[in-house]
Amino acid sequence: MKKVLTILLLALFFIYGCKEEVPYGGGEVRERTDAERATELCIAECKTRLDAGEDFSKGPCLSNSIIEDWVCDVAHKPRQAVDNEPENQCSAFRAREAYHFVELDTNCDVIKIY
């Protein structure tokens, strides 16, 4: 019985404790969307790797799963031929294992969120 109660409490904590709320409008609080979370994490990953000196000249995929169902990709703005090469794109998106992406430019600025 103690084990079941512990599992139940952990499940409730996970369900209700993992929601992040953010201020919205005139002080109203709302949950962040997946797009907002994915974008924030993608930008952070990009900046970390850019600061570490990673070469973004080929427009690499930074993550095939920045959050569930989202990839994080770098491309050029304006787009270059190298950005269309499959080896420089997120394989999870091409394989339809993820259906959304955050695309950043080589300076970690958002190009597109889809």
PDB file of N, CA and C in Angstrom:
ATOM      1  N   MET A   1       0.826  -1.184   0.000  1.00  0.00           N
ATOM      2  CA  MET A   1       0.000   0.000   0.000  1.00  0.00           C
ATOM      3  C   MET A   1       0.877   1.256   0.000  1.00  0.00           C
ATOM      4  N   LYS A   2       1.942   1.224   0.769  1.00  0.00           N
ATOM      5  CA  LYS A   2       2.844   2.365   0.860  1.00  0.00           C
ATOM      6  C   LYS A   2       3.502   2.645  -0.496  1.00  0.00           C
ATOM      7  N   LYS A   3       3.853   1.567  -1.197  1.00  0.00           N
ATOM      8  CA  LYS A   3       4.487   1.687  -2.501  1.00  0.00           C
ATOM      9  C   LYS A   3       3.516   2.317  -3.523  1.00  0.00           C
ATOM     10  N   VAL A   4       2.263   1.905  -3.490  1.00  0.00           N
ATOM     11  CA  VAL A   4       1.248   2.436  -4.400  1.00  0.00           C
ATOM     12  C   VAL A   4       1.034   3.923  -4.131  1.00  0.00           C
ATOM     13  N   LEU A   5       0.973   4.292  -2.859  1.00  0.00           N
ATOM     14  CA  LEU A   5       0.788   5.683  -2.488  1.00  0.00           C
ATOM     15  C   LEU A   5       1.969   6.538  -2.953  1.00  0.00           C
ATOM     16  N   THR A   6       3.170   6.024  -2.810  1.00  0.00           N
ATOM     17  CA  THR A   6       4.366   6.733  -3.255  1.00  0.00           C
ATOM     18  C   THR A   6       4.330   6.956  -4.766  1.00  0.00           C
ATOM     19  N   ILE A   7       3.982   5.924  -5.510  1.00  0.00           N
ATOM     20  CA  ILE A   7       3.900   6.031  -6.966  1.00  0.00           C
ATOM     21  C   ILE A   7       2.830   7.028  -7.360  1.00  0.00           C
ATOM     22  N   LEU A   8       1.704   6.989  -6.699  1.00  0.00           N
ATOM     23  CA  LEU A   8       0.614   7.923  -6.986  1.00  0.00           C
ATOM     24  C   LEU A   8       1.043   9.365  -6.718  1.00  0.00           C
ATOM     25  N   LEU A   9       1.708   9.592  -5.604  1.00  0.00           N
ATOM     26  CA  LEU A   9       2.180  10.937  -5.273  1.00  0.00           C
ATOM     27  C   LEU A   9       3.214  11.436  -6.286  1.00  0.00           C
ATOM     28  N   LEU A  10       4.113  10.560  -6.704  1.00  0.00           N
ATOM     29  CA  LEU A  10       5.105  10.943  -7.704  1.00  0.00           C
ATOM     30  C   LEU A  10       4.429  11.260  -9.035  1.00  0.00           C
ATOM     31  N   ALA A  11       3.438  10.487  -9.408  1.00  0.00           N
ATOM     32  CA  ALA A  11       2.714  10.740 -10.651  1.00  0.00           C
ATOM     33  C   ALA A  11       1.993  12.083 -10.586  1.00  0.00           C
ATOM     34  N   LEU A  12       1.355  12.377  -9.474  1.00  0.00           N
ATOM     35  CA  LEU A  12       0.668  13.659  -9.323  1.00  0.00           C
ATOM     36  C   LEU A  12       1.650  14.823  -9.361  1.00  0.00           C
ATOM     37  N   PHE A  13       2.784  14.645  -8.702  1.00  0.00           N
ATOM     38  CA  PHE A  13       3.807  15.684  -8.730  1.00  0.00           C
ATOM     39  C   PHE A  13       4.274  15.929 -10.154  1.00  0.00           C
ATOM     40  N   PHE A  14       4.508  14.833 -10.892  1.00  0.00           N
ATOM     41  CA  PHE A  14       4.965  14.966 -12.270  1.00  0.00           C
ATOM     42  C   PHE A  14       3.925  15.688 -13.114  1.00  0.00           C
ATOM     43  N   ILE A  15       2.678  15.323 -12.986  1.00  0.00           N
ATOM     44  CA  ILE A  15       1.612  15.908 -13.799  1.00  0.00           C
ATOM     45  C   ILE A  15       1.415  17.378 -13.468  1.00  0.00           C
ATOM     46  N   TYR A  16       1.328  17.703 -12.201  1.00  0.00           N
ATOM     47  CA  TYR A  16       1.027  19.074 -11.805  1.00  0.00           C
ATOM     48  C   TYR A  16       2.264  19.913 -11.516  1.00  0.00           C
ATOM     49  N   GLY A  17       3.349  19.279 -11.186  1.00  0.00           N
ATOM     50  CA  GLY A  17       4.553  20.022 -10.815  1.00  0.00           C
ATOM     51  C   GLY A  17       5.409  20.427 -11.995  1.00  0.00           C
ATOM     52  N   CYS A  18       5.184  19.844 -13.168  1.00  0.00           N
ATOM     53  CA  CYS A  18       6.017  20.135 -14.321  1.00  0.00           C
ATOM     54  C   CYS A  18       5.457  21.245 -15.199  1.00  0.00           C
ATOM     55  N   LYS A  19       4.334  21.770 -14.857  1.00  0.00           N
ATOM     56  CA  LYS A  19       3.770  22.857 -15.640  1.00  0.00           C
ATOM     57  C   LYS A  19       4.467  24.150 -15.259  1.00  0.00           C
ATOM     58  N   GLU A  20       4.837  24.909 -16.251  1.00  0.00           N
ATOM     59  CA  GLU A  20       5.469  26.193 -15.982  1.00  0.00           C
ATOM     60  C   GLU A  20       4.521  27.290 -16.425  1.00  0.00           C
ATOM     61  N   GLU A  21       4.236  28.189 -15.538  1.00  0.00           N
ATOM     62  CA  GLU A  21       3.335  29.280 -15.864  1.00  0.00           C
ATOM     63  C   GLU A  21       4.136  30.559 -16.025  1.00  0.00           C
ATOM     64  N   VAL A  22       3.686  31.384 -16.949  1.00  0.00           N
ATOM     65  CA  VAL A  22       4.381  32.648 -17.216  1.00  0.00           C
ATOM     66  C   VAL A  22       3.380  33.786 -17.192  1.00  0.00           C
ATOM     67  N   PRO A  23       3.831  34.992 -16.840  1.00  0.00           N
ATOM     68  CA  PRO A  23       2.936  36.149 -16.872  1.00  0.00           C
ATOM     69  C   PRO A  23       2.469  36.406 -18.299  1.00  0.00           C
ATOM     70  N   TYR A  24       1.239  36.817 -18.441  1.00  0.00           N
ATOM     71  CA  TYR A  24       0.673  37.086 -19.756  1.00  0.00           C
ATOM     72  C   TYR A  24      -0.212  38.311 -19.658  1.00  0.00           C
ATOM     73  N   GLY A  25      -0.016  39.229 -20.557  1.00  0.00           N
ATOM     74  CA  GLY A  25      -0.864  40.418 -20.593  1.00  0.00           C
ATOM     75  C   GLY A  25      -0.758  41.228 -19.314  1.00  0.00           C
ATOM     76  N   GLY A  26      -1.900  41.616 -18.784  1.00  0.00           N
ATOM     77  CA  GLY A  26      -1.965  42.481 -17.610  1.00  0.00           C
ATOM     78  C   GLY A  26      -1.850  41.725 -16.310  1.00  0.00           C
ATOM     79  N   GLY A  27      -0.844  40.881 -16.170  1.00  0.00           N
ATOM     80  CA  GLY A  27      -0.628  40.168 -14.926  1.00  0.00           C
ATOM     81  C   GLY A  27      -1.261  38.787 -14.905  1.00  0.00           C
ATOM     82  N   GLU A  28      -2.028  38.455 -15.938  1.00  0.00           N
ATOM     83  CA  GLU A  28      -2.642  37.132 -16.044  1.00  0.00           C
ATOM     84  C   GLU A  28      -1.531  36.095 -16.192  1.00  0.00           C
ATOM     85  N   VAL A  29      -1.720  34.912 -15.640  1.00  0.00           N
ATOM     86  CA  VAL A  29      -0.726  33.849 -15.728  1.00  0.00           C
ATOM     87  C   VAL A  29      -1.266  32.754 -16.632  1.00  0.00           C
ATOM     88  N   ARG A  30      -0.396  32.229 -17.505  1.00  0.00           N
ATOM     89  CA  ARG A  30      -0.784  31.145 -18.394  1.00  0.00           C
ATOM     90  C   ARG A  30       0.376  30.183 -18.541  1.00  0.00           C
ATOM     91  N   GLU A  31       0.090  28.985 -19.021  1.00  0.00           N
ATOM     92  CA  GLU A  31       1.139  28.011 -19.282  1.00  0.00           C
ATOM     93  C   GLU A  31       1.875  28.387 -20.551  1.00  0.00           C
ATOM     94  N   ARG A  32       3.179  28.112 -20.584  1.00  0.00           N
ATOM     95  CA  ARG A  32       3.948  28.335 -21.804  1.00  0.00           C
ATOM     96  C   ARG A  32       3.588  27.267 -22.815  1.00  0.00           C
ATOM     97  N   THR A  33       3.550  27.640 -24.081  1.00  0.00           N
ATOM     98  CA  THR A  33       3.251  26.676 -25.136  1.00  0.00           C
ATOM     99  C   THR A  33       4.493  25.857 -25.468  1.00  0.00           C
ATOM    100  N   ASP A  34       4.287  24.752 -26.151  1.00  0.00           N
ATOM    101  CA  ASP A  34       5.419  23.945 -26.607  1.00  0.00           C
ATOM    102  C   ASP A  34       6.318  24.765 -27.527  1.00  0.00           C
ATOM    103  N   ALA A  35       5.714  25.576 -28.383  1.00  0.00           N
ATOM    104  CA  ALA A  35       6.506  26.404 -29.302  1.00  0.00           C
ATOM    105  C   ALA A  35       7.403  27.368 -28.527  1.00  0.00           C
ATOM    106  N   GLU A  36       6.881  27.956 -27.466  1.00  0.00           N
ATOM    107  CA  GLU A  36       7.678  28.876 -26.654  1.00  0.00           C
ATOM    108  C   GLU A  36       8.812  28.139 -25.945  1.00  0.00           C
ATOM    109  N   ARG A  37       8.503  26.986 -25.374  1.00  0.00           N
ATOM    110  CA  ARG A  37       9.538  26.208 -24.681  1.00  0.00           C
ATOM    111  C   ARG A  37      10.615  25.737 -25.654  1.00  0.00           C
ATOM    112  N   ALA A  38      10.180  25.210 -26.805  1.00  0.00           N
ATOM    113  CA  ALA A  38      11.133  24.719 -27.801  1.00  0.00           C
ATOM    114  C   ALA A  38      12.025  25.854 -28.305  1.00  0.00           C
ATOM    115  N   THR A  39      11.435  27.005 -28.547  1.00  0.00           N
ATOM    116  CA  THR A  39      12.201  28.150 -29.039  1.00  0.00           C
ATOM    117  C   THR A  39      13.225  28.605 -28.011  1.00  0.00           C
ATOM    118  N   GLU A  40      12.811  28.720 -26.772  1.00  0.00           N
ATOM    119  CA  GLU A  40      13.735  29.145 -25.706  1.00  0.00           C
ATOM    120  C   GLU A  40      14.903  28.172 -25.571  1.00  0.00           C
ATOM    121  N   LEU A  41      14.601  26.880 -25.556  1.00  0.00           N
ATOM    122  CA  LEU A  41      15.656  25.875 -25.412  1.00  0.00           C
ATOM    123  C   LEU A  41      16.556  25.820 -26.637  1.00  0.00           C
ATOM    124  N   CYS A  42      15.971  25.993 -27.812  1.00  0.00           N
ATOM    125  CA  CYS A  42      16.748  25.980 -29.054  1.00  0.00           C
ATOM    126  C   CYS A  42      17.729  27.157 -29.086  1.00  0.00           C
ATOM    127  N   ILE A  43      17.254  28.338 -28.731  1.00  0.00           N
ATOM    128  CA  ILE A  43      18.127  29.516 -28.698  1.00  0.00           C
ATOM    129  C   ILE A  43      19.252  29.316 -27.679  1.00  0.00           C
ATOM    130  N   ALA A  44      18.929  28.784 -26.524  1.00  0.00           N
ATOM    131  CA  ALA A  44      19.957  28.547 -25.498  1.00  0.00           C
ATOM    132  C   ALA A  44      20.996  27.550 -25.999  1.00  0.00           C
ATOM    133  N   GLU A  45      20.548  26.469 -26.640  1.00  0.00           N
ATOM    134  CA  GLU A  45      21.474  25.466 -27.181  1.00  0.00           C
ATOM    135  C   GLU A  45      22.356  26.089 -28.257  1.00  0.00           C
ATOM    136  N   CYS A  46      21.761  26.872 -29.120  1.00  0.00           N
ATOM    137  CA  CYS A  46      22.497  27.531 -30.192  1.00  0.00           C
ATOM    138  C   CYS A  46      23.572  28.451 -29.626  1.00  0.00           C
ATOM    139  N   LYS A  47      23.200  29.280 -28.666  1.00  0.00           N
ATOM    140  CA  LYS A  47      24.163  30.225 -28.087  1.00  0.00           C
ATOM    141  C   LYS A  47      25.304  29.505 -27.377  1.00  0.00           C
ATOM    142  N   THR A  48      24.980  28.423 -26.686  1.00  0.00           N
ATOM    143  CA  THR A  48      26.011  27.650 -25.998  1.00  0.00           C
ATOM    144  C   THR A  48      27.021  27.095 -27.000  1.00  0.00           C
ATOM    145  N   ARG A  49      26.512  26.533 -28.079  1.00  0.00           N
ATOM    146  CA  ARG A  49      27.392  25.928 -29.075  1.00  0.00           C
ATOM    147  C   ARG A  49      28.137  26.988 -29.890  1.00  0.00           C
ATOM    148  N   LEU A  50      27.486  28.112 -30.153  1.00  0.00           N
ATOM    149  CA  LEU A  50      28.144  29.211 -30.865  1.00  0.00           C
ATOM    150  C   LEU A  50      29.278  29.778 -30.006  1.00  0.00           C
ATOM    151  N   ASP A  51      29.015  29.972 -28.711  1.00  0.00           N
ATOM    152  CA  ASP A  51      30.042  30.470 -27.781  1.00  0.00           C
ATOM    153  C   ASP A  51      31.215  29.497 -27.653  1.00  0.00           C
ATOM    154  N   ALA A  52      30.937  28.205 -27.842  1.00  0.00           N
ATOM    155  CA  ALA A  52      31.988  27.188 -27.764  1.00  0.00           C
ATOM    156  C   ALA A  52      32.793  27.107 -29.061  1.00  0.00           C
ATOM    157  N   GLY A  53      32.373  27.898 -30.064  1.00  0.00           N
ATOM    158  CA  GLY A  53      33.132  27.951 -31.313  1.00  0.00           C
ATOM    159  C   GLY A  53      32.685  26.962 -32.377  1.00  0.00           C
ATOM    160  N   GLU A  54      31.517  26.364 -32.218  1.00  0.00           N
ATOM    161  CA  GLU A  54      31.044  25.418 -33.227  1.00  0.00           C
ATOM    162  C   GLU A  54      30.831  26.122 -34.565  1.00  0.00           C
ATOM    163  N   ASP A  55      31.169  25.426 -35.631  1.00  0.00           N
ATOM    164  CA  ASP A  55      31.030  25.959 -36.987  1.00  0.00           C
ATOM    165  C   ASP A  55      29.591  25.770 -37.467  1.00  0.00           C
ATOM    166  N   PHE A  56      28.916  26.865 -37.736  1.00  0.00           N
ATOM    167  CA  PHE A  56      27.532  26.823 -38.222  1.00  0.00           C
ATOM    168  C   PHE A  56      27.441  27.056 -39.727  1.00  0.00           C
ATOM    169  N   SER A  57      28.561  27.034 -40.424  1.00  0.00           N
ATOM    170  CA  SER A  57      28.568  27.371 -41.850  1.00  0.00           C
ATOM    171  C   SER A  57      27.739  26.412 -42.702  1.00  0.00           C
ATOM    172  N   LYS A  58      27.537  25.183 -42.230  1.00  0.00           N
ATOM    173  CA  LYS A  58      26.719  24.225 -42.990  1.00  0.00           C
ATOM    174  C   LYS A  58      25.277  24.179 -42.497  1.00  0.00           C
ATOM    175  N   GLY A  59      24.944  25.007 -41.528  1.00  0.00           N
ATOM    176  CA  GLY A  59      23.566  25.026 -41.035  1.00  0.00           C
ATOM    177  C   GLY A  59      23.178  23.711 -40.376  1.00  0.00           C
ATOM    178  N   PRO A  60      23.861  23.325 -39.313  1.00  0.00           N
ATOM    179  CA  PRO A  60      23.636  22.010 -38.717  1.00  0.00           C
ATOM    180  C   PRO A  60      22.322  21.895 -37.937  1.00  0.00           C
ATOM    181  N   CYS A  61      21.897  20.660 -37.772  1.00  0.00           N
ATOM    182  CA  CYS A  61      20.802  20.360 -36.845  1.00  0.00           C
ATOM    183  C   CYS A  61      21.409  20.390 -35.448  1.00  0.00           C
ATOM    184  N   LEU A  62      20.798  21.122 -34.544  1.00  0.00           N
ATOM    185  CA  LEU A  62      21.313  21.203 -33.174  1.00  0.00           C
ATOM    186  C   LEU A  62      20.675  20.168 -32.267  1.00  0.00           C
ATOM    187  N   SER A  63      19.444  19.771 -32.580  1.00  0.00           N
ATOM    188  CA  SER A  63      18.775  18.759 -31.759  1.00  0.00           C
ATOM    189  C   SER A  63      17.611  18.147 -32.536  1.00  0.00           C
ATOM    190  N   ASN A  64      17.557  16.817 -32.537  1.00  0.00           N
ATOM    191  CA  ASN A  64      16.436  16.107 -33.132  1.00  0.00           C
ATOM    192  C   ASN A  64      15.263  16.004 -32.167  1.00  0.00           C
ATOM    193  N   SER A  65      15.459  16.479 -30.949  1.00  0.00           N
ATOM    194  CA  SER A  65      14.387  16.428 -29.952  1.00  0.00           C
ATOM    195  C   SER A  65      14.647  17.467 -28.867  1.00  0.00           C
ATOM    196  N   ILE A  66      14.517  18.750 -29.214  1.00  0.00           N
ATOM    197  CA  ILE A  66      14.750  19.817 -28.227  1.00  0.00           C
ATOM    198  C   ILE A  66      13.702  19.705 -27.125  1.00  0.00           C
ATOM    199  N   ILE A  67      12.473  19.372 -27.511  1.00  0.00           N
ATOM    200  CA  ILE A  67      11.430  18.851 -26.630  1.00  0.00           C
ATOM    201  C   ILE A  67      10.683  17.828 -27.476  1.00  0.00           C
ATOM    202  N   GLU A  68       9.801  17.084 -26.889  1.00  0.00           N
ATOM    203  CA  GLU A  68       9.089  16.049 -27.637  1.00  0.00           C
ATOM    204  C   GLU A  68       8.394  16.650 -28.862  1.00  0.00           C
ATOM    205  N   ASP A  69       8.640  16.047 -30.022  1.00  0.00           N
ATOM    206  CA  ASP A  69       8.021  16.405 -31.298  1.00  0.00           C
ATOM    207  C   ASP A  69       8.570  17.689 -31.911  1.00  0.00           C
ATOM    208  N   TRP A  70       9.673  18.241 -31.397  1.00  0.00           N
ATOM    209  CA  TRP A  70      10.274  19.468 -31.911  1.00  0.00           C
ATOM    210  C   TRP A  70      11.768  19.269 -32.159  1.00  0.00           C
ATOM    211  N   VAL A  71      12.238  19.778 -33.304  1.00  0.00           N
ATOM    212  CA  VAL A  71      13.673  19.781 -33.596  1.00  0.00           C
ATOM    213  C   VAL A  71      14.181  21.217 -33.590  1.00  0.00           C
ATOM    214  N   CYS A  72      15.490  21.346 -33.513  1.00  0.00           N
ATOM    215  CA  CYS A  72      16.155  22.657 -33.484  1.00  0.00           C
ATOM    216  C   CYS A  72      17.220  22.662 -34.577  1.00  0.00           C
ATOM    217  N   ASP A  73      17.054  23.553 -35.551  1.00  0.00           N
ATOM    218  CA  ASP A  73      17.916  23.552 -36.729  1.00  0.00           C
ATOM    219  C   ASP A  73      18.480  24.952 -36.987  1.00  0.00           C
ATOM    220  N   VAL A  74      19.680  24.985 -37.558  1.00  0.00           N
ATOM    221  CA  VAL A  74      20.309  26.243 -37.960  1.00  0.00           C
ATOM    222  C   VAL A  74      20.302  26.300 -39.483  1.00  0.00           C
ATOM    223  N   ALA A  75      19.998  27.469 -40.029  1.00  0.00           N
ATOM    224  CA  ALA A  75      20.035  27.700 -41.475  1.00  0.00           C
ATOM    225  C   ALA A  75      20.548  29.125 -41.714  1.00  0.00           C
ATOM    226  N   HIS A  76      20.775  29.430 -42.937  1.00  0.00           N
ATOM    227  CA  HIS A  76      21.239  30.779 -43.291  1.00  0.00           C
ATOM    228  C   HIS A  76      20.047  31.656 -43.665  1.00  0.00           C
ATOM    229  N   LYS A  77      20.216  32.932 -43.447  1.00  0.00           N
ATOM    230  CA  LYS A  77      19.203  33.895 -43.856  1.00  0.00           C
ATOM    231  C   LYS A  77      19.914  34.984 -44.649  1.00  0.00           C
ATOM    232  N   PRO A  78      19.716  35.035 -45.970  1.00  0.00           N
ATOM    233  CA  PRO A  78      18.825  34.200 -46.767  1.00  0.00           C
ATOM    234  C   PRO A  78      19.358  32.768 -46.901  1.00  0.00           C
ATOM    235  N   ARG A  79      18.429  31.871 -47.189  1.00  0.00           N
ATOM    236  CA  ARG A  79      18.729  30.444 -47.281  1.00  0.00           C
ATOM    237  C   ARG A  79      19.777  30.186 -48.364  1.00  0.00           C
ATOM    238  N   GLN A  80      20.692  29.250 -48.090  1.00  0.00           N
ATOM    239  CA  GLN A  80      21.726  28.863 -49.044  1.00  0.00           C
ATOM    240  C   GLN A  80      21.534  27.400 -49.431  1.00  0.00           C
ATOM    241  N   ALA A  81      22.159  26.995 -50.508  1.00  0.00           N
ATOM    242  CA  ALA A  81      22.025  25.620 -51.002  1.00  0.00           C
ATOM    243  C   ALA A  81      22.433  24.599 -49.932  1.00  0.00           C
ATOM    244  N   VAL A  82      23.435  24.913 -49.137  1.00  0.00           N
ATOM    245  CA  VAL A  82      23.912  23.997 -48.100  1.00  0.00           C
ATOM    246  C   VAL A  82      22.807  23.682 -47.076  1.00  0.00           C
ATOM    247  N   ASP A  83      21.864  24.601 -46.897  1.00  0.00           N
ATOM    248  CA  ASP A  83      20.775  24.390 -45.943  1.00  0.00           C
ATOM    249  C   ASP A  83      19.793  23.316 -46.412  1.00  0.00           C
ATOM    250  N   ASN A  84      19.772  23.041 -47.707  1.00  0.00           N
ATOM    251  CA  ASN A  84      18.851  22.055 -48.266  1.00  0.00           C
ATOM    252  C   ASN A  84      19.447  20.655 -48.354  1.00  0.00           C
ATOM    253  N   GLU A  85      20.703  20.507 -47.992  1.00  0.00           N
ATOM    254  CA  GLU A  85      21.344  19.193 -48.019  1.00  0.00           C
ATOM    255  C   GLU A  85      20.868  18.378 -46.823  1.00  0.00           C
ATOM    256  N   PRO A  86      20.395  17.146 -47.069  1.00  0.00           N
ATOM    257  CA  PRO A  86      19.827  16.320 -45.990  1.00  0.00           C
ATOM    258  C   PRO A  86      20.746  16.146 -44.781  1.00  0.00           C
ATOM    259  N   GLU A  87      22.046  16.053 -45.004  1.00  0.00           N
ATOM    260  CA  GLU A  87      22.961  15.848 -43.876  1.00  0.00           C
ATOM    261  C   GLU A  87      23.045  17.075 -42.965  1.00  0.00           C
ATOM    262  N   ASN A  88      22.529  18.208 -43.419  1.00  0.00           N
ATOM    263  CA  ASN A  88      22.538  19.435 -42.609  1.00  0.00           C
ATOM    264  C   ASN A  88      21.169  19.747 -42.023  1.00  0.00           C
ATOM    265  N   GLN A  89      20.241  18.849 -42.199  1.00  0.00           N
ATOM    266  CA  GLN A  89      18.885  19.030 -41.678  1.00  0.00           C
ATOM    267  C   GLN A  89      18.629  18.025 -40.563  1.00  0.00           C
ATOM    268  N   CYS A  90      17.648  18.308 -39.742  1.00  0.00           N
ATOM    269  CA  CYS A  90      17.311  17.396 -38.641  1.00  0.00           C
ATOM    270  C   CYS A  90      16.629  16.148 -39.189  1.00  0.00           C
ATOM    271  N   SER A  91      17.276  15.027 -38.981  1.00  0.00           N
ATOM    272  CA  SER A  91      16.772  13.764 -39.529  1.00  0.00           C
ATOM    273  C   SER A  91      15.408  13.383 -38.956  1.00  0.00           C
ATOM    274  N   ALA A  92      15.134  13.738 -37.712  1.00  0.00           N
ATOM    275  CA  ALA A  92      13.843  13.396 -37.102  1.00  0.00           C
ATOM    276  C   ALA A  92      12.694  14.100 -37.816  1.00  0.00           C
ATOM    277  N   PHE A  93      12.924  15.315 -38.289  1.00  0.00           N
ATOM    278  CA  PHE A  93      11.877  16.036 -39.018  1.00  0.00           C
ATOM    279  C   PHE A  93      11.696  15.433 -40.407  1.00  0.00           C
ATOM    280  N   ARG A  94      12.798  15.138 -41.084  1.00  0.00           N
ATOM    281  CA  ARG A  94      12.715  14.549 -42.419  1.00  0.00           C
ATOM    282  C   ARG A  94      12.064  13.175 -42.372  1.00  0.00           C
ATOM    283  N   ALA A  95      12.310  12.420 -41.315  1.00  0.00           N
ATOM    284  CA  ALA A  95      11.747  11.069 -41.166  1.00  0.00           C
ATOM    285  C   ALA A  95      10.341  11.079 -40.565  1.00  0.00           C
ATOM    286  N   ARG A  96       9.836  12.265 -40.286  1.00  0.00           N
ATOM    287  CA  ARG A  96       8.507  12.433 -39.683  1.00  0.00           C
ATOM    288  C   ARG A  96       8.400  11.762 -38.313  1.00  0.00           C
ATOM    289  N   GLU A  97       9.499  11.837 -37.584  1.00  0.00           N
ATOM    290  CA  GLU A  97       9.506  11.399 -36.187  1.00  0.00           C
ATOM    291  C   GLU A  97       9.216  12.596 -35.284  1.00  0.00           C
ATOM    292  N   ALA A  98       9.398  13.784 -35.833  1.00  0.00           N
ATOM    293  CA  ALA A  98       9.057  15.049 -35.171  1.00  0.00           C
ATOM    294  C   ALA A  98       8.332  15.889 -36.210  1.00  0.00           C
ATOM    295  N   TYR A  99       7.339  16.632 -35.774  1.00  0.00           N
ATOM    296  CA  TYR A  99       6.498  17.360 -36.719  1.00  0.00           C
ATOM    297  C   TYR A  99       6.610  18.886 -36.620  1.00  0.00           C
ATOM    298  N   HIS A 100       7.450  19.361 -35.719  1.00  0.00           N
ATOM    299  CA  HIS A 100       7.609  20.801 -35.533  1.00  0.00           C
ATOM    300  C   HIS A 100       9.088  21.144 -35.480  1.00  0.00           C
ATOM    301  N   PHE A 101       9.419  22.352 -35.913  1.00  0.00           N
ATOM    302  CA  PHE A 101      10.814  22.758 -35.809  1.00  0.00           C
ATOM    303  C   PHE A 101      10.943  24.234 -35.465  1.00  0.00           C
ATOM    304  N   VAL A 102      12.075  24.523 -34.858  1.00  0.00           N
ATOM    305  CA  VAL A 102      12.516  25.897 -34.641  1.00  0.00           C
ATOM    306  C   VAL A 102      13.750  26.041 -35.521  1.00  0.00           C
ATOM    307  N   GLU A 103      13.703  27.022 -36.412  1.00  0.00           N
ATOM    308  CA  GLU A 103      14.833  27.272 -37.302  1.00  0.00           C
ATOM    309  C   GLU A 103      15.455  28.609 -36.926  1.00  0.00           C
ATOM    310  N   LEU A 104      16.747  28.562 -36.630  1.00  0.00           N
ATOM    311  CA  LEU A 104      17.498  29.753 -36.238  1.00  0.00           C
ATOM    312  C   LEU A 104      18.530  30.081 -37.299  1.00  0.00           C
ATOM    313  N   ASP A 105      18.934  31.344 -37.354  1.00  0.00           N
ATOM    314  CA  ASP A 105      20.026  31.702 -38.256  1.00  0.00           C
ATOM    315  C   ASP A 105      21.354  31.446 -37.549  1.00  0.00           C
ATOM    316  N   THR A 106      22.432  31.734 -38.221  1.00  0.00           N
ATOM    317  CA  THR A 106      23.765  31.438 -37.675  1.00  0.00           C
ATOM    318  C   THR A 106      24.152  32.331 -36.501  1.00  0.00           C
ATOM    319  N   ASN A 107      23.303  33.302 -36.169  1.00  0.00           N
ATOM    320  CA  ASN A 107      23.514  34.149 -34.980  1.00  0.00           C
ATOM    321  C   ASN A 107      22.530  33.801 -33.865  1.00  0.00           C
ATOM    322  N   CYS A 108      21.792  32.715 -34.034  1.00  0.00           N
ATOM    323  CA  CYS A 108      20.825  32.225 -33.052  1.00  0.00           C
ATOM    324  C   CYS A 108      19.556  33.062 -32.986  1.00  0.00           C
ATOM    325  N   ASP A 109      19.252  33.791 -34.047  1.00  0.00           N
ATOM    326  CA  ASP A 109      17.997  34.528 -34.126  1.00  0.00           C
ATOM    327  C   ASP A 109      16.963  33.676 -34.858  1.00  0.00           C
ATOM    328  N   VAL A 110      15.714  33.770 -34.464  1.00  0.00           N
ATOM    329  CA  VAL A 110      14.654  32.944 -35.044  1.00  0.00           C
ATOM    330  C   VAL A 110      14.396  33.329 -36.501  1.00  0.00           C
ATOM    331  N   ILE A 111      14.370  32.300 -37.361  1.00  0.00           N
ATOM    332  CA  ILE A 111      13.949  32.463 -38.750  1.00  0.00           C
ATOM    333  C   ILE A 111      12.491  32.040 -38.874  1.00  0.00           C
ATOM    334  N   LYS A 112      12.205  30.841 -38.338  1.00  0.00           N
ATOM    335  CA  LYS A 112      10.852  30.292 -38.506  1.00  0.00           C
ATOM    336  C   LYS A 112      10.568  29.295 -37.391  1.00  0.00           C
ATOM    337  N   ILE A 113       9.303  29.288 -36.968  1.00  0.00           N
ATOM    338  CA  ILE A 113       8.813  28.293 -36.017  1.00  0.00           C
ATOM    339  C   ILE A 113       7.635  27.621 -36.692  1.00  0.00           C
ATOM    340  N   TYR A 114       7.708  26.319 -36.839  1.00  0.00           N
ATOM    341  CA  TYR A 114       6.684  25.598 -37.580  1.00  0.00           C
ATOM    342  C   TYR A 114       6.184  24.409 -36.786  1.00  0.00           C
TER     343      TYR A 114
END
